[in-house]
Protein backbone atom coordinates (compact mmCIF):
# COMPACT_ATOMS: atom_id res chain seq x y z
CA MET A 1 -53.54 -8.69 -36.65
CA SER A 2 -52.22 -9.98 -39.96
CA ARG A 3 -49.54 -12.65 -40.01
CA ALA A 4 -47.12 -10.26 -41.69
CA GLY A 5 -47.63 -7.70 -38.96
CA ARG A 6 -47.04 -10.20 -36.21
CA LEU A 7 -43.88 -11.46 -37.87
CA ALA A 8 -42.50 -7.94 -38.23
CA ILE A 9 -43.07 -7.21 -34.55
CA GLN A 10 -41.64 -10.56 -33.48
CA GLU A 11 -38.47 -9.94 -35.47
CA HIS A 12 -38.08 -6.55 -33.78
CA ILE A 13 -38.54 -8.05 -30.32
CA ALA A 14 -36.41 -11.14 -30.98
CA ALA A 15 -33.22 -9.24 -30.35
CA PHE A 16 -34.28 -8.79 -26.71
CA TYR A 17 -35.15 -12.46 -26.01
CA PRO A 18 -31.67 -13.42 -24.79
CA LEU A 19 -32.07 -10.82 -22.07
CA LEU A 20 -34.88 -12.86 -20.51
CA ASP A 21 -32.22 -14.92 -18.80
CA ALA A 22 -32.47 -14.11 -15.08
CA ALA A 23 -28.80 -14.78 -14.37
CA PRO A 24 -26.83 -11.71 -13.36
CA GLY A 25 -24.45 -10.30 -15.92
CA LYS A 26 -21.71 -7.73 -15.95
CA LEU A 27 -22.99 -4.55 -17.53
CA ARG A 28 -19.91 -2.44 -17.48
CA LYS A 29 -16.58 -2.07 -15.80
CA HIS A 30 -15.48 1.28 -14.40
CA SER A 31 -12.54 2.19 -12.19
CA GLY A 32 -11.56 -1.43 -11.69
CA GLN A 33 -14.89 -2.48 -10.17
CA ASP A 34 -17.58 -4.61 -11.80
CA LEU A 35 -21.08 -3.21 -11.54
CA VAL A 36 -23.41 -6.20 -11.60
CA GLN A 37 -27.16 -5.95 -12.10
CA THR A 38 -29.78 -8.56 -12.92
CA LYS A 39 -30.98 -8.53 -16.50
CA THR A 40 -34.51 -9.37 -15.41
CA CYS A 41 -34.98 -5.92 -13.86
CA LEU A 42 -33.95 -4.21 -17.04
CA ILE A 43 -36.28 -6.38 -19.18
CA ARG A 44 -39.22 -5.75 -16.86
CA TRP A 45 -38.61 -2.00 -17.14
CA TYR A 46 -38.33 -2.17 -20.94
CA TYR A 47 -41.47 -4.22 -21.34
CA GLN A 48 -43.45 -1.83 -19.19
CA ILE A 49 -42.56 0.94 -21.61
CA VAL A 50 -43.44 -1.23 -24.61
CA TYR A 51 -46.73 -2.25 -23.04
CA THR A 52 -47.66 1.41 -22.43
CA ALA A 53 -46.93 2.16 -26.06
CA PHE A 54 -49.03 -0.78 -27.16
CA ARG A 55 -51.98 0.54 -25.15
CA HIS A 56 -52.00 3.56 -27.44
CA CYS A 57 -51.46 1.58 -30.65
CA ILE A 58 -53.69 -1.49 -30.23
CA PRO A 59 -57.47 -1.52 -29.88
CA THR A 60 -58.92 -1.90 -26.40
CA ASP A 61 -60.07 -5.49 -26.81
CA VAL A 62 -56.60 -6.52 -27.93
CA ALA A 63 -54.40 -4.54 -25.53
CA GLU A 64 -55.44 -6.41 -22.46
CA PRO A 65 -53.30 -6.09 -19.35
CA ARG A 66 -50.98 -8.99 -20.10
CA ALA A 67 -47.33 -9.40 -21.10
CA VAL A 68 -46.24 -8.13 -24.49
CA TYR A 69 -44.95 -11.53 -25.33
CA GLY A 70 -48.49 -12.88 -24.88
CA ILE A 71 -49.91 -10.14 -27.09
CA LEU A 72 -47.54 -10.97 -29.88
CA ARG A 73 -48.31 -14.66 -29.63
CA ALA A 74 -52.11 -14.11 -29.37
CA PRO A 75 -54.25 -15.63 -32.18
CA ALA A 76 -55.07 -13.29 -35.00
CA LYS A 77 -58.49 -11.59 -34.85
CA PRO A 78 -60.99 -12.34 -37.58
CA ALA A 79 -60.98 -9.91 -40.42
CA GLY A 80 -63.02 -6.81 -39.81
CA LYS A 81 -62.82 -6.93 -36.01
CA ASN A 82 -60.38 -4.32 -34.69
CA VAL A 83 -57.56 -5.35 -37.01
CA VAL A 84 -54.26 -3.96 -35.72
CA ASP A 85 -52.28 -1.74 -38.06
CA SER A 86 -48.84 -3.44 -38.10
CA SER A 87 -47.04 -0.38 -39.47
CA LYS A 88 -48.39 1.73 -36.60
CA ILE A 89 -47.14 -0.78 -34.04
CA ILE A 90 -43.71 -0.89 -35.65
CA ARG A 91 -43.49 2.90 -35.55
CA CYS A 92 -44.42 2.94 -31.86
CA LEU A 93 -41.94 0.21 -31.03
CA THR A 94 -39.17 2.00 -32.92
CA ALA A 95 -39.92 5.23 -31.07
CA VAL A 96 -39.79 3.44 -27.71
CA THR A 97 -36.48 1.78 -28.56
CA LEU A 98 -34.99 5.08 -29.65
CA ALA A 99 -36.17 6.78 -26.46
CA VAL A 100 -34.64 4.05 -24.29
CA THR A 101 -31.35 4.26 -26.17
CA LEU A 102 -31.15 8.03 -25.91
CA SER A 103 -32.04 7.99 -22.23
CA GLY A 104 -29.27 5.46 -21.59
CA CYS A 105 -26.74 7.62 -23.42
CA GLY A 106 -27.72 10.96 -21.95
CA GLY A 107 -28.35 9.94 -18.33
CA GLY A 108 -25.12 8.01 -17.71
CA PRO A 109 -21.89 9.52 -16.43
CA LYS A 110 -19.61 11.15 -18.94
CA GLU A 111 -16.53 9.21 -19.95
CA VAL A 112 -13.50 10.63 -18.13
CA ASP A 113 -9.90 9.86 -18.93
CA PRO A 114 -8.80 7.66 -15.97
CA ASN A 115 -5.25 8.96 -16.21
CA LEU A 116 -6.50 12.51 -15.75
CA GLY A 117 -8.32 11.55 -12.54
CA ALA A 118 -5.25 9.72 -11.23
CA ILE A 119 -3.01 12.70 -11.92
CA LYS A 120 -5.30 15.14 -10.11
CA LEU A 121 -5.73 12.86 -7.11
CA TYR A 122 -1.98 12.27 -6.89
CA GLU A 123 -1.26 16.01 -7.04
CA LYS A 124 -3.64 16.64 -4.15
CA ALA A 125 -2.09 13.84 -2.10
CA ARG A 126 1.41 15.08 -2.91
CA GLN A 127 0.46 18.59 -1.83
CA SER A 128 -0.78 17.26 1.51
CA MET A 129 2.48 15.38 1.99
CA VAL A 130 4.64 18.41 1.18
CA THR A 131 2.71 20.59 3.62
CA GLY A 132 3.14 18.02 6.40
CA ASN A 133 -0.48 16.84 6.52
CA PHE A 134 0.55 13.20 6.41
CA THR A 135 -2.77 11.80 7.63
CA ASN A 136 -4.64 13.44 4.77
CA ALA A 137 -1.91 12.42 2.33
CA ILE A 138 -2.18 8.79 3.42
CA MET A 139 -5.95 8.85 2.93
CA ARG A 140 -5.61 10.27 -0.59
CA PHE A 141 -2.79 7.93 -1.60
CA GLU A 142 -4.88 4.95 -0.45
CA ARG A 143 -7.86 6.27 -2.41
CA LEU A 144 -5.66 6.65 -5.50
CA GLU A 145 -4.41 3.09 -5.18
CA GLY A 146 -7.96 1.78 -4.80
CA ARG A 147 -9.45 3.70 -7.74
CA PHE A 148 -6.52 3.57 -10.17
CA PRO A 149 -4.48 0.48 -9.26
CA PHE A 150 -2.71 0.27 -12.63
CA SER A 151 -1.85 3.92 -13.26
CA ASN A 152 1.70 5.25 -13.31
CA GLN A 153 0.89 7.57 -10.43
CA THR A 154 -0.07 4.62 -8.23
CA LYS A 155 3.46 3.21 -8.24
CA GLN A 156 4.86 6.52 -7.06
CA ALA A 157 2.04 6.80 -4.53
CA GLN A 158 3.02 3.43 -3.06
CA LEU A 159 6.50 4.82 -2.41
CA ASP A 160 5.24 8.14 -1.07
CA ILE A 161 2.87 6.47 1.35
CA ILE A 162 5.81 4.59 2.92
CA TYR A 163 7.39 7.95 3.72
CA CYS A 164 4.07 9.33 5.01
CA TYR A 165 3.65 6.39 7.39
CA TYR A 166 7.22 6.89 8.61
CA MET A 167 6.76 10.62 9.21
CA ASN A 168 3.34 10.03 10.79
CA ARG A 169 4.98 7.72 13.36
CA GLU A 170 3.29 4.57 12.12
CA PRO A 171 6.32 2.25 11.93
CA ASP A 172 4.40 -1.00 11.47
CA ALA A 173 2.37 0.43 8.59
CA ALA A 174 5.52 1.86 7.00
CA VAL A 175 7.34 -1.48 7.13
CA ASP A 176 4.29 -3.34 5.79
CA ALA A 177 3.94 -0.89 2.90
CA ALA A 178 7.67 -1.15 2.13
CA ASP A 179 7.62 -4.96 2.23
CA GLN A 180 4.57 -5.04 -0.03
CA PHE A 181 6.21 -2.71 -2.56
CA ILE A 182 9.43 -4.76 -2.56
CA LEU A 183 7.47 -7.99 -2.99
CA GLU A 184 5.33 -6.68 -5.85
CA ASN A 185 8.07 -4.66 -7.60
CA PRO A 186 11.41 -6.45 -7.06
CA THR A 187 12.92 -4.89 -10.21
CA HIS A 188 11.53 -1.38 -9.78
CA PRO A 189 14.23 1.31 -10.07
CA ARG A 190 13.16 2.82 -6.73
CA VAL A 191 13.07 -0.38 -4.72
CA ASP A 192 16.26 0.78 -2.96
CA TYR A 193 14.26 3.64 -1.47
CA ALA A 194 11.82 1.20 0.13
CA ASN A 195 14.74 -0.65 1.75
CA TYR A 196 16.24 2.63 2.94
CA ILE A 197 13.00 3.69 4.63
CA LYS A 198 12.85 0.32 6.39
CA GLY A 199 16.20 1.14 7.95
CA MET A 200 15.05 4.64 8.87
CA VAL A 201 11.92 3.34 10.58
CA PHE A 202 13.99 1.52 13.22
CA PHE A 203 16.84 4.02 13.42
CA PRO A 204 17.21 5.38 16.99
CA LYS A 205 15.59 8.76 17.46
CA LYS A 206 17.42 11.67 19.01
CA PRO A 207 16.92 11.99 22.78
CA ASN A 208 14.03 14.25 23.66
CA LYS A 209 13.91 16.88 26.39
CA LEU A 210 13.02 14.38 29.12
CA TYR A 211 16.02 12.24 28.27
CA ARG A 212 18.30 15.26 28.45
CA LEU A 213 16.65 16.58 31.61
CA PHE A 214 17.13 13.34 33.54
CA LYS A 215 20.41 12.51 31.77
CA VAL A 216 19.15 9.20 30.44
CA ASP A 217 21.48 7.43 28.01
CA PRO A 218 19.35 5.79 25.26
CA THR A 219 22.09 3.19 24.69
CA GLU A 220 21.18 1.66 28.05
CA ARG A 221 17.91 0.39 26.62
CA PRO A 222 17.74 -2.94 24.71
CA PRO A 223 18.72 -2.09 21.12
CA ARG A 224 16.41 -4.45 19.24
CA ALA A 225 15.24 -1.69 16.90
CA ALA A 226 18.83 -0.53 16.35
CA ARG A 227 19.90 -4.03 15.31
CA THR A 228 17.00 -4.25 12.86
CA SER A 229 17.92 -0.87 11.43
CA PHE A 230 21.54 -1.97 11.01
CA GLU A 231 20.47 -5.14 9.20
CA ASN A 232 18.25 -3.19 6.79
CA PHE A 233 21.00 -0.68 6.00
CA HIS A 234 23.49 -3.50 5.55
CA TYR A 235 21.16 -5.16 3.04
CA LEU A 236 20.85 -1.87 1.15
CA VAL A 237 24.62 -1.31 1.01
CA ALA A 238 25.32 -4.90 -0.05
CA ASN A 239 22.65 -5.16 -2.75
CA PHE A 240 22.46 -1.58 -4.04
CA PRO A 241 26.03 -0.22 -3.97
CA ASP A 242 25.22 2.44 -6.59
CA SER A 243 22.09 3.70 -4.86
CA PRO A 244 21.99 7.39 -3.93
CA TYR A 245 21.04 6.28 -0.42
CA THR A 246 24.05 4.00 0.08
CA ALA A 247 26.43 6.69 1.35
CA ASN A 248 23.98 7.86 3.99
CA ALA A 249 23.25 4.27 4.95
CA ARG A 250 26.97 3.63 5.54
CA GLN A 251 27.20 6.63 7.87
CA ARG A 252 24.22 5.39 9.81
CA MET A 253 25.76 1.92 10.07
CA ILE A 254 28.87 3.45 11.68
CA TYR A 255 26.70 5.25 14.21
CA LEU A 256 24.69 2.08 14.90
CA ARG A 257 27.83 0.00 15.51
CA ASN A 258 28.94 2.48 18.15
CA TYR A 259 25.42 2.52 19.55
CA LEU A 260 25.31 -1.27 19.87
CA ALA A 261 28.84 -1.42 21.30
CA LYS A 262 27.92 1.06 24.03
CA TYR A 263 24.96 -1.07 24.99
CA GLU A 264 27.26 -4.08 25.42
CA LEU A 265 29.48 -1.98 27.66
CA HIS A 266 26.50 -0.96 29.79
CA VAL A 267 25.59 -4.59 30.24
CA ALA A 268 29.18 -5.49 31.10
CA GLY A 269 29.28 -2.72 33.71
CA TYR A 270 25.99 -4.00 35.14
CA TYR A 271 27.49 -7.46 35.60
CA MET A 272 30.65 -6.03 37.16
CA ASP A 273 28.63 -4.10 39.74
CA ARG A 274 26.87 -7.31 40.75
CA GLY A 275 29.97 -9.48 40.90
CA ALA A 276 29.19 -11.48 37.75
CA TYR A 277 32.73 -11.10 36.44
CA VAL A 278 32.62 -13.96 33.93
CA ALA A 279 29.49 -12.55 32.31
CA ALA A 280 31.06 -9.09 32.25
CA LEU A 281 34.19 -10.51 30.63
CA LYS A 282 32.13 -12.18 27.90
CA ARG A 283 30.31 -8.96 27.13
CA ALA A 284 33.57 -7.05 26.87
CA GLN A 285 35.06 -9.71 24.62
CA ASN A 286 31.96 -9.48 22.44
CA VAL A 287 32.69 -5.79 21.88
CA MET A 288 36.24 -6.68 20.78
CA VAL A 289 34.97 -9.27 18.29
CA GLU A 290 31.70 -7.82 16.93
CA TYR A 291 32.39 -4.10 17.12
CA GLN A 292 36.07 -3.77 16.32
CA GLY A 293 36.95 -0.23 15.32
CA THR A 294 34.31 1.49 17.46
CA THR A 295 34.95 4.01 20.21
CA SER A 296 34.01 1.41 22.83
CA VAL A 297 37.00 -0.88 22.20
CA ALA A 298 39.28 0.89 24.70
CA ASP A 299 36.60 0.79 27.40
CA ALA A 300 35.99 -2.89 26.66
CA LEU A 301 39.70 -3.61 27.25
CA GLY A 302 39.44 -1.79 30.58
CA VAL A 303 36.49 -3.97 31.63
CA MET A 304 38.43 -7.08 30.65
CA ILE A 305 41.40 -6.00 32.81
CA ASP A 306 39.15 -5.43 35.84
CA ALA A 307 37.36 -8.74 35.33
CA TYR A 308 40.63 -10.68 35.08
CA GLU A 309 41.89 -9.06 38.26
CA LYS A 310 38.69 -9.94 40.12
CA LEU A 311 39.02 -13.53 38.89
CA ASP A 312 42.70 -13.64 40.04
CA LEU A 313 43.85 -14.07 36.45
CA HIS A 314 46.67 -11.57 36.84
CA GLU A 315 48.71 -12.79 33.88
CA MET A 316 45.71 -12.35 31.54
CA ALA A 317 45.08 -8.95 33.05
CA GLN A 318 48.70 -7.88 32.41
CA GLN A 319 48.59 -9.04 28.78
CA THR A 320 45.38 -7.12 28.20
CA ARG A 321 46.91 -4.05 29.85
CA GLU A 322 49.85 -4.19 27.47
CA VAL A 323 47.54 -4.42 24.48
CA LEU A 324 45.68 -1.36 25.73
CA GLN A 325 48.92 0.62 26.23
CA LEU A 326 50.26 -0.29 22.78
CA ASN A 327 47.06 0.80 21.08
CA SER A 328 46.05 3.64 23.35
CA GLY A 329 47.03 6.32 20.83
CA ARG A 330 45.28 4.61 17.95
CA LEU A 331 42.19 3.84 20.00
CA ALA A 332 41.97 7.40 21.32
CA GLY A 333 42.72 9.34 18.15
CA ALA A 334 42.13 7.15 15.13
CA ILE A 335 38.53 6.25 15.97
CA PRO A 336 36.50 9.44 16.26
CA SER A 337 33.15 9.51 17.92
CA VAL A 338 30.44 9.35 15.29
CA ALA A 339 27.36 11.47 15.82
CA ALA A 340 23.90 10.51 14.57
CA PRO A 341 23.50 11.53 10.90
CA ASN A 342 20.78 14.00 10.08
């Protein structure tokens, strides 16, 4: 092969020399995930194609089964002995390059607008949520967040999935999702909704048929969840006074205060039945201090009177009785019983 022919081929191949590096490189980025592939595999595949082309362009004694790089670096043959036509080799190499380029363009996936995919996936998830299929909605919202983490639909999906967890009776997952949204989006205009759902997660449920059948009062159970619900609603009311959820949160706080006051009364009655009059008195006094204005205040005064009498503190019992008589009308009529909001 003439020196000019070898130089022409070497210049054409030189562009691919940097690819001989065996270190892995990032080829493309799609849907937020890096697809990594070793460059060596691609170079080996390319050189196999080039070598096949060379077999058809170079005489038999030149195109020995060795690497193309070795062929190009091989010493030139003496004149008159199977001289390689450099223009023919260049044409073959150009054809191979064009074929590889076209195959890479035609065989790959078509470019799709990521926003379009996010919108369609969100609409499907939203439809599942509206129809009450919360498990399927959760799965699709999670898929949307994984595939399109920076889309506008993902922010709304993070709020919707909180509601889906709540309706699907997964309180821990609902609280975790709400806390994560609040932490990542402290200035988001809908962050008040996340706080509201946190209160709803722990809000006492209405008594079921078994409770009603056996006449079980839910306020007799330890109200840990009710206290947590009250704290979450209080945070919402204090920090988001203009929120559309504030009015409903206030109504629920009134119900929860009565709920918690009744539990204190149950505990006070328990202590009275067992002769622990001092403990019963403290519980009744706690209702007067912590839950002033609830429907349980009058009953708490009654427990205090009984406890003082049992402890032979008749003067204290008489003073408490007078307070109850003076405020009996206000306690009975001015403080209506608050039902659980819908």
